[in-house]
Amino acid sequence: MLERSGPILSVSGLTKRFSVREPWIARMLSRQPRRVVHAVEDVSLAIERGTTFALAGESGCGKSTIARCLAGILPLSAGTITFMGADVTRQHGRTDMRRRHLQMIFQDPYASLNPRWRIGRIIAEPIVTHRLLSGRDRIKVRIDELLALVGLSPQDARKYPHQFSGGQRQRISIARAIASEPAFLICDEPTSSLDVSVQAQILNLMRRLQAELGLTYLLISHNLAAISQMADNVGIMYLGRLVECGPAQTVFDHPQHPYTRMLLDAVPDIAVPGGRRQPFKGEVPSPIDPPSGCAFHPRCPLADARCARQRPPAVALGSVSVACHAVAAQCENRAG
C-alpha cells in the first residue's frame, strides 16, 4: 500500500562518489593513490506532493548526479531514499516502484528519443511495459489523448523524431513521461536547449500538467528566472553540497549564503542597467580534491580561518536553512 501523506520523496545523507583510479597494475607501477570524485556529499531534502522543488548551481555541482541517483540510474555511495512511503534505496529492476511512478524529462529531447521509432511507438512503450492497457485500439486512443494533452496532433503519431522542432520533441518527451501515469517527474534542464519563446511554452505546459494531473516536479536548471516562475522550494548547490534551501520566493528575495548572493547578482537586472555587480572570484575547486571545511571558502568574501577548518552545519533561519559560519554568527549576534 503506497503512503499518501507526508513528503512524496525524501532523501537523507545522499552521497555519491566515483572512482577515477587507473587500472591496478598501472597504479602499482606509478605508486599513485586511489582517486575519488566527490560528486555529491551528504545531501538531505524532502519534496512535498504537488509541489516543484528546484536545484540550482554552477555546472558540475552535482545536480544531475542527484537526479540520476533519485531515479535509480546510479547507485548511492551512502544515504537513503524514501519514495511514496517506501525505502527504495536498494530497489532495482522490476521490483523498483520508481520504474512507473517516477519518470525523467531530459535536457536534449532529440537524444532521448529513439530516432528509428515512430512517435506513437515511443509514447506507447511505457503503457505496454507497465501493462496499463491492452489491445491496439485502446492503446492508440490513449496515445492520441496524450499527444493532444501536450499540444500535438494525433496525426503526429506516425512521424519520426527528426520531423519535429526542438520544442515539439520536448512535448513528445513529456507525453512519454506521463504515459505511465507517474506521480513524480525529474526535469533535468528541460528547456536549456530551446529558444527563449519556446522555453516559456514548455514551462507553461509543465505548470498546466502539474495542476491537471497532480504531478510533483524536481526541476534542475541554470535558469534562475525559470526557477522563480516554477518552483515552490529551491536548493542552492555548490560542489556537491546544499548551501541554502527554502521557499523559492524567500531565497530569491532575501538570499543568506554568500554563494546564493553571487548567483543572483550575476543575473542581469533591466531595472538597474549598468549597475555594479560583485564578480565571482577564483575557479570552482576540483571535486577530486575538494577544499577542507566549507567548500566555498576559497572564493567567499566572508571566509575566516574557521571556514577552512570546519564544515558548517545547516542552520535554520525561519523557513530557510543555510550552511555558513558567517551567517550563523551574524544571527547569533542579532539574537544577543
C-alpha atoms as a PDB file:
ATOM      1  CA  MET A   1       0.000   0.000   0.000  1.00  0.00           C
ATOM      2  CA  LEU A   2       1.509   3.352  -1.064  1.00  0.00           C
ATOM      3  CA  GLU A   3       1.583   6.097   1.511  1.00  0.00           C
ATOM      4  CA  ARG A   4      -0.457   9.181   0.563  1.00  0.00           C
ATOM      5  CA  SER A   5       0.579  11.540   3.376  1.00  0.00           C
ATOM      6  CA  GLY A   6       3.860  13.317   4.060  1.00  0.00           C
ATOM      7  CA  PRO A   7       6.583  14.106   1.510  1.00  0.00           C
ATOM      8  CA  ILE A   8       6.379  12.134  -1.703  1.00  0.00           C
ATOM      9  CA  LEU A   9      10.175  11.897  -1.756  1.00  0.00           C
ATOM     10  CA  SER A  10      12.740  12.396   0.984  1.00  0.00           C
ATOM     11  CA  VAL A  11      16.499  11.975   0.934  1.00  0.00           C
ATOM     12  CA  SER A  12      18.814  11.604   3.909  1.00  0.00           C
ATOM     13  CA  GLY A  13      22.592  11.876   3.673  1.00  0.00           C
ATOM     14  CA  LEU A  14      22.723  11.185  -0.070  1.00  0.00           C
ATOM     15  CA  THR A  15      26.347  10.739  -1.100  1.00  0.00           C
ATOM     16  CA  LYS A  16      27.743   9.720  -4.476  1.00  0.00           C
ATOM     17  CA  ARG A  17      31.418   9.258  -5.277  1.00  0.00           C
ATOM     18  CA  PHE A  18      33.049   7.998  -8.456  1.00  0.00           C
ATOM     19  CA  SER A  19      36.369   6.199  -8.615  1.00  0.00           C
ATOM     20  CA  VAL A  20      38.710   7.579 -11.287  1.00  0.00           C
ATOM     21  CA  ARG A  21      41.643   5.335 -10.495  1.00  0.00           C
ATOM     22  CA  GLU A  22      43.746   3.831 -13.222  1.00  0.00           C
ATOM     23  CA  PRO A  23      43.993   0.067 -13.747  1.00  0.00           C
ATOM     24  CA  TRP A  24      45.526  -1.745 -10.768  1.00  0.00           C
ATOM     25  CA  ILE A  25      48.818  -2.607 -12.484  1.00  0.00           C
ATOM     26  CA  ALA A  26      49.374   0.939 -13.764  1.00  0.00           C
ATOM     27  CA  ARG A  27      48.573   2.342 -10.334  1.00  0.00           C
ATOM     28  CA  MET A  28      51.015  -0.024  -8.614  1.00  0.00           C
ATOM     29  CA  LEU A  29      53.800   0.818 -11.061  1.00  0.00           C
ATOM     30  CA  SER A  30      53.287   4.576 -10.740  1.00  0.00           C
ATOM     31  CA  ARG A  31      52.515   4.313  -6.998  1.00  0.00           C
ATOM     32  CA  GLN A  32      49.557   6.640  -7.344  1.00  0.00           C
ATOM     33  CA  PRO A  33      46.937   6.785  -4.570  1.00  0.00           C
ATOM     34  CA  ARG A  34      43.307   5.972  -5.202  1.00  0.00           C
ATOM     35  CA  ARG A  35      41.439   8.984  -6.663  1.00  0.00           C
ATOM     36  CA  VAL A  36      37.763   9.676  -5.996  1.00  0.00           C
ATOM     37  CA  VAL A  37      35.375  12.296  -7.394  1.00  0.00           C
ATOM     38  CA  HIS A  38      33.185  13.675  -4.599  1.00  0.00           C
ATOM     39  CA  ALA A  39      30.150  14.344  -6.808  1.00  0.00           C
ATOM     40  CA  VAL A  40      27.513  14.668  -4.049  1.00  0.00           C
ATOM     41  CA  GLU A  41      28.169  14.839  -0.321  1.00  0.00           C
ATOM     42  CA  ASP A  42      25.593  14.360   2.453  1.00  0.00           C
ATOM     43  CA  VAL A  43      22.538  15.951   0.807  1.00  0.00           C
ATOM     44  CA  SER A  44      19.221  15.771   2.657  1.00  0.00           C
ATOM     45  CA  LEU A  45      15.908  17.165   1.384  1.00  0.00           C
ATOM     46  CA  ALA A  46      12.181  16.500   1.283  1.00  0.00           C
ATOM     47  CA  ILE A  47       9.710  17.242  -1.533  1.00  0.00           C
ATOM     48  CA  GLU A  48       6.017  17.644  -0.799  1.00  0.00           C
ATOM     49  CA  ARG A  49       3.315  16.258  -3.076  1.00  0.00           C
ATOM     50  CA  GLY A  50       2.088  18.529  -5.856  1.00  0.00           C
ATOM     51  CA  THR A  51       4.976  20.989  -5.472  1.00  0.00           C
ATOM     52  CA  THR A  52       8.055  21.853  -7.502  1.00  0.00           C
ATOM     53  CA  PHE A  53      11.478  21.618  -5.872  1.00  0.00           C
ATOM     54  CA  ALA A  54      14.312  23.178  -7.873  1.00  0.00           C
ATOM     55  CA  LEU A  55      18.066  22.589  -7.686  1.00  0.00           C
ATOM     56  CA  ALA A  56      20.313  25.439  -8.843  1.00  0.00           C
ATOM     57  CA  GLY A  57      24.056  25.945  -9.043  1.00  0.00           C
ATOM     58  CA  GLU A  58      27.007  26.089 -11.400  1.00  0.00           C
ATOM     59  CA  SER A  59      27.794  23.284 -13.839  1.00  0.00           C
ATOM     60  CA  GLY A  60      29.413  20.327 -12.125  1.00  0.00           C
ATOM     61  CA  CYS A  61      27.894  20.976  -8.691  1.00  0.00           C
ATOM     62  CA  GLY A  62      26.105  17.607  -8.613  1.00  0.00           C
ATOM     63  CA  LYS A  63      22.528  18.477  -9.644  1.00  0.00           C
ATOM     64  CA  SER A  64      22.223  15.885 -12.407  1.00  0.00           C
ATOM     65  CA  THR A  65      24.010  13.270 -10.301  1.00  0.00           C
ATOM     66  CA  ILE A  66      21.339  13.695  -7.623  1.00  0.00           C
ATOM     67  CA  ALA A  67      18.650  13.288 -10.287  1.00  0.00           C
ATOM     68  CA  ARG A  68      20.147  10.048 -11.547  1.00  0.00           C
ATOM     69  CA  CYS A  69      20.519   8.709  -8.023  1.00  0.00           C
ATOM     70  CA  LEU A  70      16.879   9.511  -7.242  1.00  0.00           C
ATOM     71  CA  ALA A  71      15.754   7.810 -10.455  1.00  0.00           C
ATOM     72  CA  GLY A  72      17.739   4.675  -9.635  1.00  0.00           C
ATOM     73  CA  ILE A  73      20.090   5.096 -12.591  1.00  0.00           C
ATOM     74  CA  LEU A  74      23.098   5.431 -10.276  1.00  0.00           C
ATOM     75  CA  PRO A  75      23.586   3.532  -7.002  1.00  0.00           C
ATOM     76  CA  LEU A  76      24.256   5.565  -3.871  1.00  0.00           C
ATOM     77  CA  SER A  77      27.598   5.534  -2.094  1.00  0.00           C
ATOM     78  CA  ALA A  78      25.766   6.385   1.150  1.00  0.00           C
ATOM     79  CA  GLY A  79      22.380   7.650   2.315  1.00  0.00           C
ATOM     80  CA  THR A  80      18.742   6.628   1.917  1.00  0.00           C
ATOM     81  CA  ILE A  81      15.883   7.477  -0.469  1.00  0.00           C
ATOM     82  CA  THR A  82      12.234   7.188   0.547  1.00  0.00           C
ATOM     83  CA  PHE A  83       9.664   7.435  -2.259  1.00  0.00           C
ATOM     84  CA  MET A  84       5.907   7.336  -1.715  1.00  0.00           C
ATOM     85  CA  GLY A  85       6.442   5.963   1.782  1.00  0.00           C
ATOM     86  CA  ALA A  86       8.770   3.118   0.742  1.00  0.00           C
ATOM     87  CA  ASP A  87      12.537   2.817   1.128  1.00  0.00           C
ATOM     88  CA  VAL A  88      13.779   2.459  -2.461  1.00  0.00           C
ATOM     89  CA  THR A  89      17.487   2.914  -1.747  1.00  0.00           C
ATOM     90  CA  ARG A  90      18.402  -0.596  -2.851  1.00  0.00           C
ATOM     91  CA  GLN A  91      15.469  -1.433  -5.099  1.00  0.00           C
ATOM     92  CA  HIS A  92      16.296  -2.203  -8.713  1.00  0.00           C
ATOM     93  CA  GLY A  93      14.874  -3.851 -11.805  1.00  0.00           C
ATOM     94  CA  ARG A  94      11.235  -4.930 -11.824  1.00  0.00           C
ATOM     95  CA  THR A  95      10.961  -4.613  -8.039  1.00  0.00           C
ATOM     96  CA  ASP A  96      11.696  -0.873  -8.169  1.00  0.00           C
ATOM     97  CA  MET A  97       8.429   1.067  -7.918  1.00  0.00           C
ATOM     98  CA  ARG A  98      10.186   4.099  -9.422  1.00  0.00           C
ATOM     99  CA  ARG A  99      10.087   2.452 -12.863  1.00  0.00           C
ATOM    100  CA  ARG A 100       6.459   3.518 -13.211  1.00  0.00           C
ATOM    101  CA  HIS A 101       5.801   6.248 -10.661  1.00  0.00           C
ATOM    102  CA  LEU A 102       8.988   8.296 -11.234  1.00  0.00           C
ATOM    103  CA  GLN A 103       9.925   9.462 -14.734  1.00  0.00           C
ATOM    104  CA  MET A 104      12.520  11.820 -16.239  1.00  0.00           C
ATOM    105  CA  ILE A 105      12.475  14.588 -18.839  1.00  0.00           C
ATOM    106  CA  PHE A 106      15.978  15.065 -20.235  1.00  0.00           C
ATOM    107  CA  GLN A 107      17.867  18.126 -21.436  1.00  0.00           C
ATOM    108  CA  ASP A 108      18.223  17.104 -25.091  1.00  0.00           C
ATOM    109  CA  PRO A 109      14.856  15.876 -26.395  1.00  0.00           C
ATOM    110  CA  TYR A 110      16.344  14.525 -29.628  1.00  0.00           C
ATOM    111  CA  ALA A 111      18.987  12.411 -27.874  1.00  0.00           C
ATOM    112  CA  SER A 112      16.369  10.964 -25.508  1.00  0.00           C
ATOM    113  CA  LEU A 113      14.067   9.767 -28.325  1.00  0.00           C
ATOM    114  CA  ASN A 114      14.784   6.694 -30.421  1.00  0.00           C
ATOM    115  CA  PRO A 115      15.283   8.074 -33.966  1.00  0.00           C
ATOM    116  CA  ARG A 116      14.202   4.755 -35.534  1.00  0.00           C
ATOM    117  CA  TRP A 117      10.823   4.620 -33.795  1.00  0.00           C
ATOM    118  CA  ARG A 118       7.662   6.441 -34.752  1.00  0.00           C
ATOM    119  CA  ILE A 119       6.261   8.789 -32.123  1.00  0.00           C
ATOM    120  CA  GLY A 120       3.301   6.520 -31.448  1.00  0.00           C
ATOM    121  CA  ARG A 121       5.576   3.623 -30.545  1.00  0.00           C
ATOM    122  CA  ILE A 122       7.754   5.863 -28.338  1.00  0.00           C
ATOM    123  CA  ILE A 123       4.755   7.024 -26.303  1.00  0.00           C
ATOM    124  CA  ALA A 124       3.216   3.544 -26.220  1.00  0.00           C
ATOM    125  CA  GLU A 125       6.323   1.916 -24.736  1.00  0.00           C
ATOM    126  CA  PRO A 126       5.601   2.828 -21.064  1.00  0.00           C
ATOM    127  CA  ILE A 127       1.951   1.824 -21.483  1.00  0.00           C
ATOM    128  CA  VAL A 128       2.907  -1.594 -22.820  1.00  0.00           C
ATOM    129  CA  THR A 129       5.823  -2.108 -20.416  1.00  0.00           C
ATOM    130  CA  HIS A 130       3.707  -1.451 -17.326  1.00  0.00           C
ATOM    131  CA  ARG A 131       0.627  -3.200 -18.807  1.00  0.00           C
ATOM    132  CA  LEU A 132      -1.607  -0.207 -18.211  1.00  0.00           C
ATOM    133  CA  LEU A 133      -3.788  -1.026 -21.239  1.00  0.00           C
ATOM    134  CA  SER A 134      -4.252  -3.974 -23.554  1.00  0.00           C
ATOM    135  CA  GLY A 135      -5.434  -4.025 -27.122  1.00  0.00           C
ATOM    136  CA  ARG A 136      -4.076  -1.995 -30.005  1.00  0.00           C
ATOM    137  CA  ASP A 137      -7.175   0.191 -30.337  1.00  0.00           C
ATOM    138  CA  ARG A 138      -7.248   1.171 -26.659  1.00  0.00           C
ATOM    139  CA  ILE A 139      -3.534   1.988 -26.688  1.00  0.00           C
ATOM    140  CA  LYS A 140      -3.961   4.099 -29.848  1.00  0.00           C
ATOM    141  CA  VAL A 141      -6.768   6.091 -28.211  1.00  0.00           C
ATOM    142  CA  ARG A 142      -4.530   6.734 -25.197  1.00  0.00           C
ATOM    143  CA  ILE A 143      -1.637   7.854 -27.449  1.00  0.00           C
ATOM    144  CA  ASP A 144      -3.962  10.322 -29.194  1.00  0.00           C
ATOM    145  CA  GLU A 145      -5.082  11.652 -25.799  1.00  0.00           C
ATOM    146  CA  LEU A 146      -1.503  12.162 -24.632  1.00  0.00           C
ATOM    147  CA  LEU A 147      -0.496  13.935 -27.846  1.00  0.00           C
ATOM    148  CA  ALA A 148      -3.475  16.283 -27.529  1.00  0.00           C
ATOM    149  CA  LEU A 149      -2.649  16.863 -23.864  1.00  0.00           C
ATOM    150  CA  VAL A 150       0.810  18.225 -24.764  1.00  0.00           C
ATOM    151  CA  GLY A 151      -0.447  20.315 -27.680  1.00  0.00           C
ATOM    152  CA  LEU A 152       0.291  17.996 -30.618  1.00  0.00           C
ATOM    153  CA  SER A 153      -1.917  16.334 -33.208  1.00  0.00           C
ATOM    154  CA  PRO A 154      -2.893  12.637 -33.181  1.00  0.00           C
ATOM    155  CA  GLN A 155      -1.577  12.507 -36.762  1.00  0.00           C
ATOM    156  CA  ASP A 156       1.914  13.141 -35.369  1.00  0.00           C
ATOM    157  CA  ALA A 157       1.979   9.590 -34.004  1.00  0.00           C
ATOM    158  CA  ARG A 158       3.082   8.294 -37.434  1.00  0.00           C
ATOM    159  CA  LYS A 159       6.057  10.638 -37.733  1.00  0.00           C
ATOM    160  CA  TYR A 160       9.679  10.248 -36.610  1.00  0.00           C
ATOM    161  CA  PRO A 161      11.564  12.496 -34.125  1.00  0.00           C
ATOM    162  CA  HIS A 162      13.638  14.212 -36.828  1.00  0.00           C
ATOM    163  CA  GLN A 163      10.444  15.624 -38.363  1.00  0.00           C
ATOM    164  CA  PHE A 164       9.803  17.875 -35.356  1.00  0.00           C
ATOM    165  CA  SER A 165      11.317  21.054 -33.938  1.00  0.00           C
ATOM    166  CA  GLY A 166      13.130  21.105 -30.606  1.00  0.00           C
ATOM    167  CA  GLY A 167      10.099  22.350 -28.701  1.00  0.00           C
ATOM    168  CA  GLN A 168       7.849  19.719 -30.291  1.00  0.00           C
ATOM    169  CA  ARG A 169      10.339  16.979 -29.410  1.00  0.00           C
ATOM    170  CA  GLN A 170      10.296  18.102 -25.801  1.00  0.00           C
ATOM    171  CA  ARG A 171       6.483  17.914 -25.864  1.00  0.00           C
ATOM    172  CA  ILE A 172       6.844  14.339 -27.113  1.00  0.00           C
ATOM    173  CA  SER A 173       9.271  13.601 -24.268  1.00  0.00           C
ATOM    174  CA  ILE A 174       6.748  14.975 -21.792  1.00  0.00           C
ATOM    175  CA  ALA A 175       3.963  12.858 -23.341  1.00  0.00           C
ATOM    176  CA  ARG A 176       6.127   9.750 -22.978  1.00  0.00           C
ATOM    177  CA  ALA A 177       6.974  10.667 -19.372  1.00  0.00           C
ATOM    178  CA  ILE A 178       3.332  10.981 -18.323  1.00  0.00           C
ATOM    179  CA  ALA A 179       2.216   7.911 -20.294  1.00  0.00           C
ATOM    180  CA  SER A 180       2.950   5.654 -17.303  1.00  0.00           C
ATOM    181  CA  GLU A 181       0.750   7.879 -15.093  1.00  0.00           C
ATOM    182  CA  PRO A 182       3.617   8.819 -12.757  1.00  0.00           C
ATOM    183  CA  ALA A 183       3.400  10.799  -9.551  1.00  0.00           C
ATOM    184  CA  PHE A 184       6.855  12.397  -9.800  1.00  0.00           C
ATOM    185  CA  LEU A 185       8.815  13.896 -12.706  1.00  0.00           C
ATOM    186  CA  ILE A 186      12.512  14.757 -12.665  1.00  0.00           C
ATOM    187  CA  CYS A 187      13.076  17.575 -15.155  1.00  0.00           C
ATOM    188  CA  ASP A 188      16.806  17.816 -15.911  1.00  0.00           C
ATOM    189  CA  GLU A 189      17.352  21.135 -17.727  1.00  0.00           C
ATOM    190  CA  PRO A 190      14.176  20.607 -19.797  1.00  0.00           C
ATOM    191  CA  THR A 191      14.356  23.978 -21.583  1.00  0.00           C
ATOM    192  CA  SER A 192      18.068  24.789 -21.831  1.00  0.00           C
ATOM    193  CA  SER A 193      18.382  23.630 -25.466  1.00  0.00           C
ATOM    194  CA  LEU A 194      15.306  25.566 -26.637  1.00  0.00           C
ATOM    195  CA  ASP A 195      14.684  29.110 -27.873  1.00  0.00           C
ATOM    196  CA  VAL A 196      13.510  31.607 -25.270  1.00  0.00           C
ATOM    197  CA  SER A 197       9.947  31.814 -26.612  1.00  0.00           C
ATOM    198  CA  VAL A 198       9.719  28.010 -26.762  1.00  0.00           C
ATOM    199  CA  GLN A 199      11.083  27.760 -23.222  1.00  0.00           C
ATOM    200  CA  ALA A 200       8.112  29.764 -21.967  1.00  0.00           C
ATOM    201  CA  GLN A 201       5.698  27.480 -23.825  1.00  0.00           C
ATOM    202  CA  ILE A 202       7.226  24.336 -22.298  1.00  0.00           C
ATOM    203  CA  LEU A 203       7.226  25.813 -18.790  1.00  0.00           C
ATOM    204  CA  ASN A 204       3.576  26.830 -19.163  1.00  0.00           C
ATOM    205  CA  LEU A 205       2.751  23.324 -20.392  1.00  0.00           C
ATOM    206  CA  MET A 206       4.510  21.810 -17.367  1.00  0.00           C
ATOM    207  CA  ARG A 207       2.576  24.045 -14.987  1.00  0.00           C
ATOM    208  CA  ARG A 208      -0.729  23.135 -16.630  1.00  0.00           C
ATOM    209  CA  LEU A 209       0.014  19.414 -16.476  1.00  0.00           C
ATOM    210  CA  GLN A 210       1.033  19.723 -12.834  1.00  0.00           C
ATOM    211  CA  ALA A 211      -2.303  21.328 -11.990  1.00  0.00           C
ATOM    212  CA  GLU A 212      -4.358  18.857 -14.068  1.00  0.00           C
ATOM    213  CA  LEU A 213      -2.539  15.639 -13.140  1.00  0.00           C
ATOM    214  CA  GLY A 214      -1.319  16.458  -9.623  1.00  0.00           C
ATOM    215  CA  LEU A 215       2.332  15.955 -10.548  1.00  0.00           C
ATOM    216  CA  THR A 216       5.340  16.666  -8.365  1.00  0.00           C
ATOM    217  CA  TYR A 217       8.478  18.057 -10.027  1.00  0.00           C
ATOM    218  CA  LEU A 218      12.173  18.084  -9.273  1.00  0.00           C
ATOM    219  CA  LEU A 219      13.409  20.858 -11.578  1.00  0.00           C
ATOM    220  CA  ILE A 220      17.117  21.152 -12.369  1.00  0.00           C
ATOM    221  CA  SER A 221      18.076  24.349 -14.135  1.00  0.00           C
ATOM    222  CA  HIS A 222      20.688  27.072 -14.547  1.00  0.00           C
ATOM    223  CA  ASN A 223      17.892  29.478 -15.426  1.00  0.00           C
ATOM    224  CA  LEU A 224      17.028  31.297 -12.210  1.00  0.00           C
ATOM    225  CA  ALA A 225      14.145  33.089 -13.941  1.00  0.00           C
ATOM    226  CA  ALA A 226      12.582  29.724 -14.827  1.00  0.00           C
ATOM    227  CA  ILE A 227      13.094  28.522 -11.261  1.00  0.00           C
ATOM    228  CA  SER A 228      11.453  31.632  -9.810  1.00  0.00           C
ATOM    229  CA  GLN A 229       8.456  31.035 -12.125  1.00  0.00           C
ATOM    230  CA  MET A 230       8.115  27.296 -11.471  1.00  0.00           C
ATOM    231  CA  ALA A 231       9.497  26.415  -8.054  1.00  0.00           C
ATOM    232  CA  ASP A 232       7.831  26.363  -4.653  1.00  0.00           C
ATOM    233  CA  ASN A 233      11.124  25.497  -2.944  1.00  0.00           C
ATOM    234  CA  VAL A 234      14.722  25.742  -4.079  1.00  0.00           C
ATOM    235  CA  GLY A 235      18.038  24.231  -3.059  1.00  0.00           C
ATOM    236  CA  ILE A 236      21.291  26.009  -3.938  1.00  0.00           C
ATOM    237  CA  MET A 237      24.196  23.623  -4.517  1.00  0.00           C
ATOM    238  CA  TYR A 238      27.922  24.181  -4.514  1.00  0.00           C
ATOM    239  CA  LEU A 239      30.482  21.440  -5.179  1.00  0.00           C
ATOM    240  CA  GLY A 240      28.114  18.621  -4.292  1.00  0.00           C
ATOM    241  CA  ARG A 241      26.607  20.160  -1.150  1.00  0.00           C
ATOM    242  CA  LEU A 242      23.420  22.068  -0.360  1.00  0.00           C
ATOM    243  CA  VAL A 243      24.392  25.509   0.940  1.00  0.00           C
ATOM    244  CA  GLU A 244      20.921  27.084   1.145  1.00  0.00           C
ATOM    245  CA  CYS A 245      17.427  25.622   0.960  1.00  0.00           C
ATOM    246  CA  GLY A 246      13.949  27.021   1.475  1.00  0.00           C
ATOM    247  CA  PRO A 247      10.909  28.619  -0.189  1.00  0.00           C
ATOM    248  CA  ALA A 248      11.956  29.945  -3.596  1.00  0.00           C
ATOM    249  CA  GLN A 249      10.486  33.410  -3.112  1.00  0.00           C
ATOM    250  CA  THR A 250      12.200  33.828   0.258  1.00  0.00           C
ATOM    251  CA  VAL A 251      15.577  32.622  -1.035  1.00  0.00           C
ATOM    252  CA  PHE A 252      15.442  34.917  -4.074  1.00  0.00           C
ATOM    253  CA  ASP A 253      14.166  37.972  -2.182  1.00  0.00           C
ATOM    254  CA  HIS A 254      16.433  37.578   0.860  1.00  0.00           C
ATOM    255  CA  PRO A 255      19.435  35.366  -0.016  1.00  0.00           C
ATOM    256  CA  GLN A 256      21.546  34.473   3.012  1.00  0.00           C
ATOM    257  CA  HIS A 257      24.505  32.409   1.803  1.00  0.00           C
ATOM    258  CA  PRO A 258      27.295  34.370   0.034  1.00  0.00           C
ATOM    259  CA  TYR A 259      27.192  31.942  -2.885  1.00  0.00           C
ATOM    260  CA  THR A 260      23.437  32.440  -3.347  1.00  0.00           C
ATOM    261  CA  ARG A 261      24.004  36.199  -3.373  1.00  0.00           C
ATOM    262  CA  MET A 262      26.697  35.846  -6.045  1.00  0.00           C
ATOM    263  CA  LEU A 263      24.422  33.683  -8.216  1.00  0.00           C
ATOM    264  CA  LEU A 264      21.581  36.186  -8.036  1.00  0.00           C
ATOM    265  CA  ASP A 265      23.933  39.124  -8.532  1.00  0.00           C
ATOM    266  CA  ALA A 266      25.057  37.596 -11.829  1.00  0.00           C
ATOM    267  CA  VAL A 267      21.523  37.816 -13.250  1.00  0.00           C
ATOM    268  CA  PRO A 268      21.065  40.988 -15.380  1.00  0.00           C
ATOM    269  CA  ASP A 269      18.541  43.443 -13.944  1.00  0.00           C
ATOM    270  CA  ILE A 270      16.784  45.586 -16.551  1.00  0.00           C
ATOM    271  CA  ALA A 271      15.614  47.925 -13.783  1.00  0.00           C
ATOM    272  CA  VAL A 272      19.232  48.826 -12.963  1.00  0.00           C
ATOM    273  CA  PRO A 273      21.153  48.856 -16.266  1.00  0.00           C
ATOM    274  CA  GLY A 274      24.890  49.143 -15.800  1.00  0.00           C
ATOM    275  CA  GLY A 275      24.588  48.522 -12.061  1.00  0.00           C
ATOM    276  CA  ARG A 276      27.661  47.421 -10.135  1.00  0.00           C
ATOM    277  CA  ARG A 277      27.928  43.702  -9.550  1.00  0.00           C
ATOM    278  CA  GLN A 278      30.115  41.554  -7.367  1.00  0.00           C
ATOM    279  CA  PRO A 279      32.055  39.278  -9.738  1.00  0.00           C
ATOM    280  CA  PHE A 280      32.784  35.650  -8.947  1.00  0.00           C
ATOM    281  CA  LYS A 281      36.278  35.189  -7.573  1.00  0.00           C
ATOM    282  CA  GLY A 282      38.514  32.269  -8.461  1.00  0.00           C
ATOM    283  CA  GLU A 283      37.578  28.966 -10.025  1.00  0.00           C
ATOM    284  CA  VAL A 284      35.366  26.131  -8.830  1.00  0.00           C
ATOM    285  CA  PRO A 285      37.638  23.665  -6.955  1.00  0.00           C
ATOM    286  CA  SER A 286      38.145  20.154  -8.268  1.00  0.00           C
ATOM    287  CA  PRO A 287      35.728  17.572  -6.832  1.00  0.00           C
ATOM    288  CA  ILE A 288      38.677  15.146  -6.807  1.00  0.00           C
ATOM    289  CA  ASP A 289      40.436  17.313  -4.237  1.00  0.00           C
ATOM    290  CA  PRO A 290      37.762  19.490  -2.583  1.00  0.00           C
ATOM    291  CA  PRO A 291      38.782  22.147  -0.042  1.00  0.00           C
ATOM    292  CA  SER A 292      38.668  21.329   3.640  1.00  0.00           C
ATOM    293  CA  GLY A 293      35.921  22.795   5.791  1.00  0.00           C
ATOM    294  CA  CYS A 294      33.454  24.860   3.780  1.00  0.00           C
ATOM    295  CA  ALA A 295      33.974  24.106   0.089  1.00  0.00           C
ATOM    296  CA  PHE A 296      33.151  27.717  -0.813  1.00  0.00           C
ATOM    297  CA  HIS A 297      35.705  29.352   1.498  1.00  0.00           C
ATOM    298  CA  PRO A 298      38.448  29.916  -1.178  1.00  0.00           C
ATOM    299  CA  ARG A 299      36.004  32.183  -3.072  1.00  0.00           C
ATOM    300  CA  CYS A 300      33.952  33.583  -0.197  1.00  0.00           C
ATOM    301  CA  PRO A 301      34.284  37.267   0.834  1.00  0.00           C
ATOM    302  CA  LEU A 302      33.177  36.379   4.398  1.00  0.00           C
ATOM    303  CA  ALA A 303      35.553  33.453   4.961  1.00  0.00           C
ATOM    304  CA  ASP A 304      37.810  33.245   8.027  1.00  0.00           C
ATOM    305  CA  ALA A 305      40.149  30.634   9.485  1.00  0.00           C
ATOM    306  CA  ARG A 306      37.263  28.613  10.888  1.00  0.00           C
ATOM    307  CA  CYS A 307      35.746  28.148   7.416  1.00  0.00           C
ATOM    308  CA  ALA A 308      38.907  26.388   6.229  1.00  0.00           C
ATOM    309  CA  ARG A 309      38.913  24.011   9.203  1.00  0.00           C
ATOM    310  CA  GLN A 310      35.292  23.093   9.872  1.00  0.00           C
ATOM    311  CA  ARG A 311      32.392  22.264   7.601  1.00  0.00           C
ATOM    312  CA  PRO A 312      29.440  24.491   8.549  1.00  0.00           C
ATOM    313  CA  PRO A 313      26.253  22.680   9.623  1.00  0.00           C
ATOM    314  CA  ALA A 314      22.899  23.721   8.186  1.00  0.00           C
ATOM    315  CA  VAL A 315      21.259  26.317  10.436  1.00  0.00           C
ATOM    316  CA  ALA A 316      17.521  27.077  10.314  1.00  0.00           C
ATOM    317  CA  LEU A 317      16.723  30.752   9.778  1.00  0.00           C
ATOM    318  CA  GLY A 318      12.958  30.765   9.774  1.00  0.00           C
ATOM    319  CA  SER A 319      11.839  28.699   6.788  1.00  0.00           C
ATOM    320  CA  VAL A 320      15.328  28.688   5.206  1.00  0.00           C
ATOM    321  CA  SER A 321      18.298  26.506   6.116  1.00  0.00           C
ATOM    322  CA  VAL A 322      21.792  27.892   5.470  1.00  0.00           C
ATOM    323  CA  ALA A 323      25.194  26.214   5.812  1.00  0.00           C
ATOM    324  CA  CYS A 324      27.517  29.154   6.550  1.00  0.00           C
ATOM    325  CA  HIS A 325      29.557  30.029   9.650  1.00  0.00           C
ATOM    326  CA  ALA A 326      29.378  33.780   8.931  1.00  0.00           C
ATOM    327  CA  VAL A 327      25.598  33.807   8.514  1.00  0.00           C
ATOM    328  CA  ALA A 328      25.149  31.752  11.700  1.00  0.00           C
ATOM    329  CA  ALA A 329      27.424  34.143  13.613  1.00  0.00           C
ATOM    330  CA  GLN A 330      25.502  37.184  12.355  1.00  0.00           C
ATOM    331  CA  CYS A 331      22.230  35.642  13.540  1.00  0.00           C
ATOM    332  CA  GLU A 332      23.720  34.877  16.957  1.00  0.00           C
ATOM    333  CA  ASN A 333      24.921  38.479  17.273  1.00  0.00           C
ATOM    334  CA  ARG A 334      21.447  39.791  16.402  1.00  0.00           C
ATOM    335  CA  ALA A 335      19.832  37.456  18.905  1.00  0.00           C
ATOM    336  CA  GLY A 336      22.338  38.507  21.578  1.00  0.00           C
END
